[in-house]
Protein backbone atom coordinates (compact mmCIF):
# COMPACT_ATOMS: atom_id res chain seq x y z
CA GLU A 1 -8.58 12.02 -27.17
CA VAL A 2 -12.03 12.45 -25.66
CA VAL A 3 -14.01 9.25 -24.98
CA ALA A 4 -17.54 9.44 -26.36
CA ASN A 5 -18.92 5.98 -25.48
CA VAL A 6 -17.92 2.58 -24.05
CA GLN A 7 -19.67 -0.76 -24.55
CA PHE A 8 -19.00 -4.41 -23.66
CA GLY A 9 -19.28 -6.89 -26.53
CA GLY A 10 -18.14 -10.24 -27.83
CA ALA A 11 -19.49 -13.73 -27.18
CA LYS A 12 -18.43 -13.65 -23.51
CA ARG A 13 -19.02 -9.90 -23.11
CA ASN A 14 -15.37 -9.51 -22.09
CA ARG A 15 -14.33 -7.24 -24.93
CA LEU A 16 -14.53 -3.53 -24.18
CA TYR A 17 -15.13 -1.16 -27.08
CA ILE A 18 -14.13 2.47 -26.54
CA CYS A 19 -15.28 5.12 -29.03
CA GLY A 20 -13.11 8.18 -29.11
CA THR A 21 -13.49 11.39 -31.05
CA THR A 22 -11.61 10.02 -34.07
CA SER A 23 -10.83 6.38 -33.19
CA LEU A 24 -12.38 3.10 -32.07
CA TYR A 25 -10.47 0.90 -29.60
CA ALA A 26 -11.20 -2.67 -28.52
CA MET A 27 -9.53 -4.65 -25.74
CA TYR A 28 -10.15 -7.87 -23.87
CA VAL A 29 -10.73 -7.40 -20.13
CA GLN A 30 -11.06 -9.69 -17.10
CA ALA A 31 -14.55 -8.35 -16.27
CA HIS A 32 -17.79 -9.33 -18.03
CA GLY A 33 -20.51 -6.90 -19.02
CA VAL A 34 -24.12 -7.36 -17.96
CA SER A 35 -26.27 -9.11 -20.56
CA HIS A 36 -29.50 -7.43 -21.60
CA PRO A 37 -32.78 -9.32 -21.12
CA ARG A 38 -34.31 -10.58 -24.36
């Protein structure tokens, strides 16, 4: 399956969302994503 997009999310930004061609996957990871300035 081809990956179209990835994005960190969740309260601690340690959940990785992976959008495939026909599916959406989510997994907890040890890393934290960068928070966007508000």
